[in-house]
Amino acid sequence: MKVFKEKLDTIKTKKDLTKELKIYKQFIIKKIDTEEFNSALTKAKSALILIKEHQELFDLDKNLKEFQDLSEKVLSELNRHRDKYTKRLYRLLKENIDESNVEKLMKLLTSLKKEVDKNINGYNLEEVHANINRYFQFIKRLYIIFASYEIIDYFEVSENIFKFIEDLKFVDFPNLEKLSKSLLQKVIMRKLSDFSHKYKMLTISELSNELAISQEELIEFIYSILEESNSPIKAFIESKDQVIFNYQG
């Protein structure tokens, strides 16, 4: 009689468990349909914990597989939505920009930021959100460089650009890296043009000091501009470390 009663209680408990898991499943599917993935994932984890707590009492392999599949489905959907925003951001960060189109890029980025802000919790977009804010901070610094690089002292401007380039090493903003190097080249070219009105020749050491650039970087830059039609440098005699200017004096 006792054994029969215990068996009856067990059957009743398993029925209650099955009923509870059915409610869990309905909740998860509803949350998937409404794209509330974090809520669905939390409930799926709770269901799996419940199943594992009773696995030794009942045969729950089918239930375990069902909720593991649901959990994977939720994670897959969550990752798909997050990847969509991550890819949109990275496409913008690879767009070629200059002074003429930076405003257009900012409008696109602002539009994306509004969507990210709206869905940050639903799709776990904290990293995308942080990267957008970080990018805007660099853009603010870039505007300051834009406003000053043609009128402010060479050393002040070049120092700001060098610092900007150095800080970009800690983030992944390809278009800003490309643009900042282009700005630095313009600043250096303008300074070299000034020198071409004053000097016929300078050594690499002298020119390195004048420009506050390492000799290695300077030599690399000289080779990159020698073939340009507007190059202020006529030749670089490597054996003598001499830079020959297109003298305009």
Protein backbone atom coordinates (compact mmCIF):
# COMPACT_ATOMS: atom_id res chain seq x y z
CA MET A 1 0.00 0.00 0.00
CA LYS A 2 2.83 2.38 0.93
CA VAL A 3 4.73 1.63 -2.30
CA PHE A 4 1.57 2.22 -4.33
CA LYS A 5 0.97 5.57 -2.60
CA GLU A 6 4.59 6.69 -3.23
CA LYS A 7 4.26 5.73 -6.89
CA LEU A 8 1.03 7.71 -7.12
CA ASP A 9 2.70 10.77 -5.60
CA THR A 10 5.59 10.44 -8.05
CA ILE A 11 3.24 10.35 -11.03
CA LYS A 12 1.45 13.40 -9.71
CA THR A 13 4.76 15.25 -9.25
CA LYS A 14 5.90 14.41 -12.77
CA LYS A 15 2.58 15.64 -14.13
CA ASP A 16 3.04 18.92 -12.27
CA LEU A 17 6.57 19.21 -13.63
CA THR A 18 5.42 18.53 -17.18
CA LYS A 19 2.69 21.12 -16.82
CA GLU A 20 5.18 23.68 -15.49
CA LEU A 21 7.60 23.00 -18.36
CA LYS A 22 4.76 23.43 -20.84
CA ILE A 23 4.08 26.90 -19.39
CA TYR A 24 7.82 27.68 -19.64
CA LYS A 25 7.82 26.61 -23.30
CA GLN A 26 4.79 28.77 -24.14
CA PHE A 27 6.42 31.76 -22.45
CA ILE A 28 9.71 31.27 -24.34
CA ILE A 29 8.00 30.95 -27.74
CA LYS A 30 5.95 34.08 -27.04
CA LYS A 31 9.08 36.03 -26.10
CA ILE A 32 10.86 34.82 -29.25
CA ASP A 33 7.93 36.03 -31.35
CA THR A 34 8.08 39.47 -29.70
CA GLU A 35 11.92 39.49 -29.96
CA GLU A 36 12.35 39.70 -26.19
CA PHE A 37 15.30 37.36 -26.38
CA ASN A 38 16.86 38.01 -22.97
CA SER A 39 13.59 37.15 -21.21
CA ALA A 40 13.27 34.02 -23.35
CA LEU A 41 16.87 33.02 -22.60
CA THR A 42 16.41 33.54 -18.84
CA LYS A 43 13.28 31.35 -18.85
CA ALA A 44 15.02 28.67 -20.93
CA LYS A 45 17.89 28.57 -18.41
CA SER A 46 15.38 28.26 -15.54
CA ALA A 47 13.67 25.36 -17.32
CA LEU A 48 16.99 23.57 -17.84
CA ILE A 49 17.86 23.98 -14.16
CA LEU A 50 14.45 22.58 -13.21
CA ILE A 51 14.92 19.61 -15.51
CA LYS A 52 18.40 18.82 -14.19
CA GLU A 53 17.14 18.97 -10.61
CA HIS A 54 14.60 16.21 -11.37
CA GLN A 55 16.58 14.13 -13.87
CA GLU A 56 17.40 11.43 -11.34
CA LEU A 57 13.69 10.97 -10.50
CA PHE A 58 12.20 11.02 -14.00
CA ASP A 59 13.06 10.28 -17.60
CA LEU A 60 13.43 13.86 -18.88
CA ASP A 61 15.82 13.38 -21.80
CA LYS A 62 13.18 14.50 -24.28
CA ASN A 63 12.42 17.63 -22.24
CA LEU A 64 16.11 18.35 -21.80
CA LYS A 65 16.71 18.17 -25.57
CA GLU A 66 13.66 20.34 -26.24
CA PHE A 67 14.78 23.17 -23.97
CA GLN A 68 18.40 22.92 -25.06
CA ASP A 69 17.18 23.41 -28.64
CA LEU A 70 15.02 26.35 -27.56
CA SER A 71 17.95 27.90 -25.72
CA GLU A 72 20.17 27.54 -28.80
CA LYS A 73 17.44 29.05 -30.97
CA VAL A 74 17.16 32.08 -28.68
CA LEU A 75 20.94 32.55 -28.64
CA SER A 76 21.08 32.24 -32.41
CA GLU A 77 18.38 34.90 -32.86
CA LEU A 78 20.03 37.17 -30.32
CA ASN A 79 23.41 36.87 -32.04
CA ARG A 80 21.83 37.42 -35.46
CA HIS A 81 20.27 40.70 -34.39
CA ARG A 82 23.42 41.85 -32.59
CA ASP A 83 25.61 40.95 -35.57
CA LYS A 84 23.32 42.97 -37.84
CA TYR A 85 24.07 46.16 -35.86
CA THR A 86 27.75 45.30 -35.47
CA LYS A 87 28.13 44.87 -39.24
CA ARG A 88 26.24 48.10 -39.97
CA LEU A 89 28.57 49.99 -37.67
CA TYR A 90 31.72 48.46 -39.11
CA ARG A 91 30.58 49.25 -42.68
CA LEU A 92 30.28 52.90 -41.68
CA LEU A 93 33.69 52.84 -40.03
CA LYS A 94 35.24 51.60 -43.27
CA GLU A 95 33.65 54.31 -45.44
CA ASN A 96 36.19 56.72 -46.89
CA ILE A 97 35.75 60.12 -45.27
CA ASP A 98 37.27 63.56 -45.63
CA GLU A 99 36.29 67.09 -44.70
CA SER A 100 33.66 67.20 -47.44
CA ASN A 101 31.62 64.15 -46.42
CA VAL A 102 32.23 63.72 -42.70
CA GLU A 103 28.87 65.40 -41.94
CA LYS A 104 27.06 62.83 -44.09
CA LEU A 105 28.73 59.98 -42.22
CA MET A 106 27.80 61.57 -38.89
CA LYS A 107 24.13 61.65 -39.90
CA LEU A 108 24.21 57.96 -40.78
CA LEU A 109 26.00 57.15 -37.53
CA THR A 110 23.52 59.24 -35.51
CA SER A 111 20.64 57.35 -37.12
CA LEU A 112 22.27 54.03 -36.22
CA LYS A 113 22.89 55.24 -32.66
CA LYS A 114 19.17 55.96 -32.19
CA GLU A 115 18.33 52.38 -33.20
CA VAL A 116 21.05 50.97 -30.97
CA ASP A 117 19.89 53.06 -28.00
CA LYS A 118 16.37 51.75 -28.53
CA ASN A 119 17.42 48.08 -28.69
CA ILE A 120 20.49 48.09 -26.44
CA ASN A 121 18.99 45.85 -23.75
CA GLY A 122 16.92 43.65 -26.05
CA TYR A 123 19.85 42.64 -28.27
CA ASN A 124 22.78 43.11 -25.84
CA LEU A 125 24.22 45.98 -27.86
CA GLU A 126 26.36 47.47 -25.09
CA GLU A 127 29.60 47.00 -27.03
CA VAL A 128 28.17 48.53 -30.22
CA HIS A 129 26.81 51.44 -28.16
CA ALA A 130 30.21 52.00 -26.51
CA ASN A 131 32.02 51.94 -29.88
CA ILE A 132 29.65 54.51 -31.38
CA ASN A 133 30.16 56.85 -28.41
CA ARG A 134 33.91 56.33 -28.62
CA TYR A 135 33.85 57.16 -32.34
CA PHE A 136 31.95 60.39 -31.67
CA GLN A 137 34.65 61.40 -29.17
CA PHE A 138 37.30 60.97 -31.87
CA ILE A 139 35.17 62.96 -34.33
CA LYS A 140 35.04 65.88 -31.86
CA ARG A 141 38.84 65.88 -31.75
CA LEU A 142 38.94 65.62 -35.54
CA TYR A 143 36.81 68.75 -35.93
CA ILE A 144 39.32 70.64 -33.78
CA ILE A 145 42.12 69.48 -36.09
CA PHE A 146 40.07 70.47 -39.16
CA ALA A 147 39.61 73.95 -37.75
CA SER A 148 43.27 74.48 -36.99
CA TYR A 149 45.56 72.50 -39.27
CA GLU A 150 45.84 75.22 -41.92
CA ILE A 151 46.27 78.19 -39.61
CA ILE A 152 47.93 77.02 -36.40
CA ASP A 153 51.64 76.51 -35.84
CA TYR A 154 52.98 73.35 -37.50
CA PHE A 155 54.33 71.84 -34.29
CA GLU A 156 51.06 72.27 -32.40
CA VAL A 157 48.96 70.81 -35.22
CA SER A 158 51.32 67.92 -35.98
CA GLU A 159 51.51 67.06 -32.28
CA ASN A 160 47.70 66.92 -32.12
CA ILE A 161 47.55 64.69 -35.19
CA PHE A 162 50.33 62.41 -33.93
CA LYS A 163 48.46 62.03 -30.62
CA PHE A 164 45.25 61.34 -32.52
CA ILE A 165 46.96 58.63 -34.60
CA GLU A 166 48.54 57.13 -31.49
CA ASP A 167 45.18 56.91 -29.69
CA LEU A 168 43.61 55.26 -32.73
CA LYS A 169 45.89 52.25 -32.17
CA PHE A 170 43.66 51.23 -29.26
CA VAL A 171 40.43 51.14 -31.32
CA ASP A 172 39.34 49.78 -34.69
CA PHE A 173 38.28 52.82 -36.70
CA PRO A 174 39.89 52.26 -40.16
CA ASN A 175 38.53 55.37 -41.87
CA LEU A 176 39.74 57.69 -39.10
CA GLU A 177 43.19 56.13 -39.24
CA LYS A 178 43.36 56.69 -42.99
CA LEU A 179 42.05 60.25 -42.74
CA SER A 180 44.37 61.28 -39.90
CA LYS A 181 47.42 60.04 -41.82
CA SER A 182 46.24 61.99 -44.86
CA LEU A 183 45.93 65.15 -42.75
CA LEU A 184 49.41 64.63 -41.35
CA GLN A 185 50.78 64.30 -44.88
CA LYS A 186 49.14 67.59 -45.86
CA VAL A 187 50.66 69.35 -42.87
CA ILE A 188 54.11 67.93 -43.59
CA MET A 189 53.83 68.75 -47.30
CA ARG A 190 52.96 72.34 -46.50
CA LYS A 191 55.96 72.61 -44.21
CA LEU A 192 58.24 71.06 -46.84
CA SER A 193 56.91 73.56 -49.38
CA ASP A 194 57.93 76.34 -47.01
CA PHE A 195 61.40 74.81 -46.78
CA SER A 196 61.67 74.67 -50.58
CA HIS A 197 61.54 78.49 -50.56
CA LYS A 198 64.38 78.66 -48.03
CA TYR A 199 66.70 75.72 -48.69
CA LYS A 200 68.24 73.90 -51.61
CA MET A 201 69.32 70.99 -49.46
CA LEU A 202 69.02 69.64 -45.91
CA THR A 203 70.31 66.47 -44.35
CA ILE A 204 67.84 63.90 -43.10
CA SER A 205 68.99 64.67 -39.56
CA GLU A 206 68.34 68.40 -39.98
CA LEU A 207 64.98 67.87 -41.62
CA SER A 208 63.98 65.33 -38.97
CA ASN A 209 64.65 67.94 -36.27
CA GLU A 210 62.82 70.64 -38.21
CA LEU A 211 59.71 68.46 -38.59
CA ALA A 212 59.91 66.66 -35.23
CA ILE A 213 59.59 63.29 -37.01
CA SER A 214 61.83 60.28 -36.66
CA GLN A 215 64.30 59.78 -39.48
CA GLU A 216 62.80 56.40 -40.36
CA GLU A 217 59.29 57.85 -40.74
CA LEU A 218 60.63 60.83 -42.65
CA ILE A 219 62.52 58.68 -45.18
CA GLU A 220 59.41 56.56 -45.71
CA PHE A 221 57.35 59.69 -46.29
CA ILE A 222 59.91 61.18 -48.71
CA TYR A 223 59.86 58.06 -50.87
CA SER A 224 56.04 58.16 -50.92
CA ILE A 225 55.92 61.72 -52.33
CA LEU A 226 58.96 61.82 -54.63
CA GLU A 227 56.92 60.84 -57.71
CA GLU A 228 54.14 63.34 -57.06
CA SER A 229 53.97 66.29 -59.45
CA ASN A 230 53.68 68.82 -56.62
CA SER A 231 56.42 67.30 -54.48
CA PRO A 232 58.61 69.99 -52.87
CA ILE A 233 61.43 67.42 -52.75
CA LYS A 234 63.41 66.82 -55.91
CA ALA A 235 65.59 63.95 -54.77
CA PHE A 236 66.84 62.02 -51.80
CA ILE A 237 70.51 61.02 -51.93
CA GLU A 238 70.48 58.09 -49.53
CA SER A 239 74.27 57.57 -49.53
CA LYS A 240 74.78 61.11 -48.22
CA ASP A 241 71.50 61.38 -46.27
CA GLN A 242 70.73 64.51 -48.24
CA VAL A 243 67.30 65.83 -49.21
CA ILE A 244 67.34 68.01 -52.35
CA PHE A 245 64.45 70.47 -52.64
CA ASN A 246 62.72 71.84 -55.71
CA TYR A 247 64.15 75.20 -54.73
CA GLN A 248 61.69 78.10 -55.13
CA GLY A 249 63.87 80.87 -53.68
